[in-house]
Amino acid sequence: MFMIEQLTPYIPTAAKEPLNYLLQKHAFKLKIVNGRKTKRGDFRATLPLATITINNDLTKEQFLITLVHEIAHLHTHIHHPKVKPHGTEWKQCFKQLMLPFLTPTIFDEELLKPLAKHLINPKATTDSDMKLSVILQGKKNTNPTHNYFIFDLKPGTLFLLNKRTFKLLNKRRTRYECLEVQTKRRYLIKGNAPVEIV
């Protein structure tokens, strides 16, 4: 199990004490892994100890939120082993575990308000909350060419995403229909994906 000192480079400084308290509640294995495109972290009910993995390429705020998110899965699994992964029990647990971190010494004002609003009814990922996701990504985005999000673009705009060229077609309910120029295949892409205009 990780000691809090090992996590210090990954979290906001003021989060150290409340996080250390949280880490002592239930034993688990924590692995910090190379960044994954499909997820920021995960929880597995492995034996003899459950395992939590967190990506190493997150901002300190993203790392903290993701870690608490996964610890909430651990607590939910211990107390309610047969419920849905992001059901009512997990939502209540995640909200409760996040409360000690909702201070301006840990999250700046720009992030604190949308984060508190997100926690009223938390989703499986912060990417489901457009405003919160954009603020979190903005803190991480060091590439000056990726200064647009898909929801900023007009239909017909060409853009680069993962070194592939797409054309924005139209908005669906929660995602945007896009045409990959080279293959002519259509994809549904999240509106908060950072892109470069061609």
Protein backbone atom coordinates (compact mmCIF):
# COMPACT_ATOMS: atom_id res chain seq x y z
CA MET A 1 0.00 0.00 0.00
CA PHE A 2 1.19 3.51 -0.85
CA MET A 3 2.36 5.86 1.85
CA ILE A 4 1.05 9.41 1.58
CA GLU A 5 4.60 10.72 0.93
CA GLN A 6 4.71 8.69 -2.28
CA LEU A 7 1.55 10.41 -3.49
CA THR A 8 2.68 13.95 -2.69
CA PRO A 9 3.95 14.70 -6.24
CA TYR A 10 0.56 13.73 -7.69
CA ILE A 11 -1.90 15.63 -5.46
CA PRO A 12 -2.56 19.22 -4.34
CA THR A 13 -0.47 19.92 -1.23
CA ALA A 14 -3.46 20.76 0.98
CA ALA A 15 -5.08 17.40 0.16
CA LYS A 16 -2.34 15.44 1.91
CA GLU A 17 -3.89 15.24 5.39
CA PRO A 18 -7.50 14.35 4.46
CA LEU A 19 -6.23 11.87 1.85
CA ASN A 20 -3.92 10.21 4.37
CA TYR A 21 -6.92 9.73 6.68
CA LEU A 22 -8.89 8.18 3.82
CA LEU A 23 -6.04 5.82 2.87
CA GLN A 24 -6.02 4.34 6.38
CA LYS A 25 -9.67 3.22 6.33
CA HIS A 26 -9.33 0.10 4.15
CA ALA A 27 -6.20 -1.61 2.84
CA PHE A 28 -5.73 -1.88 -0.93
CA LYS A 29 -2.98 -2.01 -3.54
CA LEU A 30 -2.41 1.24 -5.44
CA LYS A 31 -0.59 1.25 -8.77
CA ILE A 32 0.30 4.40 -10.67
CA VAL A 33 0.41 3.44 -14.34
CA ASN A 34 1.17 5.01 -17.71
CA GLY A 35 -1.66 7.10 -19.16
CA ARG A 36 -4.52 5.23 -20.83
CA LYS A 37 -6.83 6.80 -23.41
CA THR A 38 -9.92 4.90 -22.31
CA LYS A 39 -9.79 5.57 -18.56
CA ARG A 40 -8.04 7.59 -15.85
CA GLY A 41 -8.31 4.93 -13.16
CA ASP A 42 -9.98 1.70 -12.20
CA PHE A 43 -10.91 -0.51 -9.27
CA ARG A 44 -10.65 -4.30 -9.19
CA ALA A 45 -11.82 -6.53 -6.36
CA THR A 46 -8.69 -8.68 -6.50
CA LEU A 47 -7.64 -11.00 -3.66
CA PRO A 48 -6.20 -10.81 -1.09
CA LEU A 49 -6.29 -7.01 -1.53
CA ALA A 50 -8.35 -4.96 -3.94
CA THR A 51 -6.34 -3.06 -6.59
CA ILE A 52 -6.72 0.56 -7.69
CA THR A 53 -4.81 1.93 -10.66
CA ILE A 54 -4.46 5.65 -11.51
CA ASN A 55 -2.88 7.17 -14.61
CA ASN A 56 0.39 9.04 -14.08
CA ASP A 57 -0.33 11.78 -16.65
CA LEU A 58 -3.18 13.53 -14.83
CA THR A 59 -3.20 16.99 -13.32
CA LYS A 60 -3.04 17.01 -9.52
CA GLU A 61 -6.75 17.84 -9.38
CA GLN A 62 -7.67 15.03 -11.79
CA PHE A 63 -5.48 12.58 -9.89
CA LEU A 64 -7.14 13.41 -6.57
CA ILE A 65 -10.70 13.23 -7.95
CA THR A 66 -9.93 9.95 -9.73
CA LEU A 67 -8.31 8.40 -6.66
CA VAL A 68 -11.25 9.31 -4.42
CA HIS A 69 -13.62 8.04 -7.15
CA GLU A 70 -11.89 4.64 -7.10
CA ILE A 71 -11.66 4.52 -3.29
CA ALA A 72 -15.44 5.07 -3.29
CA HIS A 73 -15.71 1.90 -5.41
CA LEU A 74 -13.63 0.08 -2.80
CA HIS A 75 -15.83 1.25 0.09
CA THR A 76 -19.01 0.47 -1.85
CA HIS A 77 -17.73 -3.01 -2.70
CA ILE A 78 -16.95 -3.69 0.97
CA HIS A 79 -20.30 -2.48 2.32
CA HIS A 80 -22.59 -3.25 -0.67
CA PRO A 81 -20.88 -5.97 -2.74
CA LYS A 82 -23.75 -6.65 -5.15
CA VAL A 83 -24.82 -3.20 -6.32
CA LYS A 84 -24.28 -1.42 -9.66
CA PRO A 85 -20.79 0.09 -10.06
CA HIS A 86 -22.05 3.69 -10.32
CA GLY A 87 -25.39 3.22 -8.59
CA THR A 88 -26.96 5.09 -5.69
CA GLU A 89 -24.66 3.53 -3.07
CA TRP A 90 -21.51 4.54 -4.96
CA LYS A 91 -22.83 8.06 -5.61
CA GLN A 92 -23.53 8.59 -1.89
CA CYS A 93 -20.14 7.19 -0.91
CA PHE A 94 -18.25 9.29 -3.48
CA LYS A 95 -20.02 12.47 -2.35
CA GLN A 96 -19.26 11.73 1.30
CA LEU A 97 -15.59 10.94 0.64
CA MET A 98 -15.12 14.09 -1.46
CA LEU A 99 -16.59 16.50 1.11
CA PRO A 100 -13.33 17.04 3.09
CA PHE A 101 -11.58 18.01 -0.17
CA LEU A 102 -14.10 20.67 -1.26
CA THR A 103 -12.10 23.65 -0.02
CA PRO A 104 -10.44 26.56 -1.86
CA THR A 105 -7.05 25.46 -0.50
CA ILE A 106 -7.33 22.25 -2.58
CA PHE A 107 -9.40 23.32 -5.60
CA ASP A 108 -9.32 26.88 -6.93
CA GLU A 109 -12.58 28.81 -7.22
CA GLU A 110 -12.89 28.17 -10.98
CA LEU A 111 -12.93 24.40 -10.33
CA LEU A 112 -14.59 24.28 -6.91
CA LYS A 113 -18.06 25.45 -7.99
CA PRO A 114 -18.54 23.09 -10.96
CA LEU A 115 -17.04 20.22 -8.94
CA ALA A 116 -19.48 20.81 -6.08
CA LYS A 117 -22.34 20.93 -8.60
CA HIS A 118 -21.09 17.69 -10.23
CA LEU A 119 -21.14 15.95 -6.84
CA ILE A 120 -24.87 16.60 -6.36
CA ASN A 121 -25.43 13.67 -8.74
CA PRO A 122 -21.99 12.35 -9.80
CA LYS A 123 -21.67 10.42 -13.05
CA ALA A 124 -19.34 7.53 -13.89
CA THR A 125 -16.76 10.04 -15.14
CA THR A 126 -16.15 13.79 -14.89
CA ASP A 127 -16.08 13.78 -18.72
CA SER A 128 -19.88 13.47 -18.57
CA ASP A 129 -19.95 16.94 -17.02
CA MET A 130 -18.96 19.24 -19.89
CA LYS A 131 -18.09 22.37 -17.88
CA LEU A 132 -16.07 20.51 -15.24
CA SER A 133 -14.29 18.43 -17.87
CA VAL A 134 -13.25 21.49 -19.88
CA ILE A 135 -11.79 23.19 -16.79
CA LEU A 136 -9.88 20.04 -15.80
CA GLN A 137 -8.55 19.57 -19.34
CA GLY A 138 -7.66 23.24 -19.62
CA LYS A 139 -5.34 22.86 -16.63
CA LYS A 140 -3.62 19.97 -18.37
CA ASN A 141 -3.54 21.18 -21.97
CA THR A 142 0.01 22.34 -22.63
CA ASN A 143 -0.24 21.97 -26.41
CA PRO A 144 -1.03 25.47 -27.76
CA THR A 145 -2.42 24.04 -31.03
CA HIS A 146 -5.12 22.09 -29.16
CA ASN A 147 -7.00 25.21 -28.13
CA TYR A 148 -10.45 24.20 -29.36
CA PHE A 149 -13.01 21.67 -28.22
CA ILE A 150 -15.37 19.95 -30.64
CA PHE A 151 -18.35 21.81 -29.18
CA ASP A 152 -16.62 25.09 -30.25
CA LEU A 153 -16.71 24.09 -33.94
CA LYS A 154 -19.30 24.68 -36.64
CA PRO A 155 -20.58 21.85 -38.86
CA GLY A 156 -18.25 21.29 -41.82
CA THR A 157 -15.10 22.22 -39.86
CA LEU A 158 -12.04 20.00 -40.41
CA PHE A 159 -10.00 19.14 -37.33
CA LEU A 160 -7.22 16.85 -36.12
CA LEU A 161 -7.76 14.35 -33.32
CA ASN A 162 -5.11 11.73 -32.51
CA LYS A 163 -3.29 12.62 -35.76
CA ARG A 164 -6.39 11.80 -37.83
CA THR A 165 -8.41 14.32 -39.84
CA PHE A 166 -12.16 14.56 -39.20
CA LYS A 167 -15.02 16.67 -40.49
CA LEU A 168 -17.70 17.74 -38.02
CA LEU A 169 -21.15 16.76 -39.31
CA ASN A 170 -23.76 17.44 -36.62
CA LYS A 171 -24.60 17.20 -32.96
CA ARG A 172 -26.42 14.19 -31.58
CA ARG A 173 -27.85 14.05 -28.04
CA THR A 174 -24.58 14.10 -26.06
CA ARG A 175 -21.91 13.55 -28.74
CA TYR A 176 -20.96 14.89 -32.14
CA GLU A 177 -21.13 12.90 -35.37
CA CYS A 178 -17.84 13.24 -37.25
CA LEU A 179 -16.53 11.84 -40.52
CA GLU A 180 -12.95 10.58 -40.67
CA VAL A 181 -11.77 12.04 -43.98
CA GLN A 182 -9.40 9.23 -45.02
CA THR A 183 -11.61 6.22 -44.27
CA LYS A 184 -15.05 7.89 -44.72
CA ARG A 185 -16.14 6.22 -41.47
CA ARG A 186 -18.43 8.04 -39.07
CA TYR A 187 -17.72 8.36 -35.35
CA LEU A 188 -19.53 9.81 -32.36
CA ILE A 189 -17.07 11.93 -30.38
CA LYS A 190 -17.45 13.74 -27.06
CA GLY A 191 -17.85 17.50 -27.36
CA ASN A 192 -15.09 18.17 -24.83
CA ALA A 193 -12.37 16.45 -26.89
CA PRO A 194 -9.52 18.96 -27.42
CA VAL A 195 -8.70 19.30 -31.13
CA GLU A 196 -6.61 21.24 -33.62
CA ILE A 197 -8.36 22.97 -36.50
CA VAL A 198 -6.95 22.09 -39.94
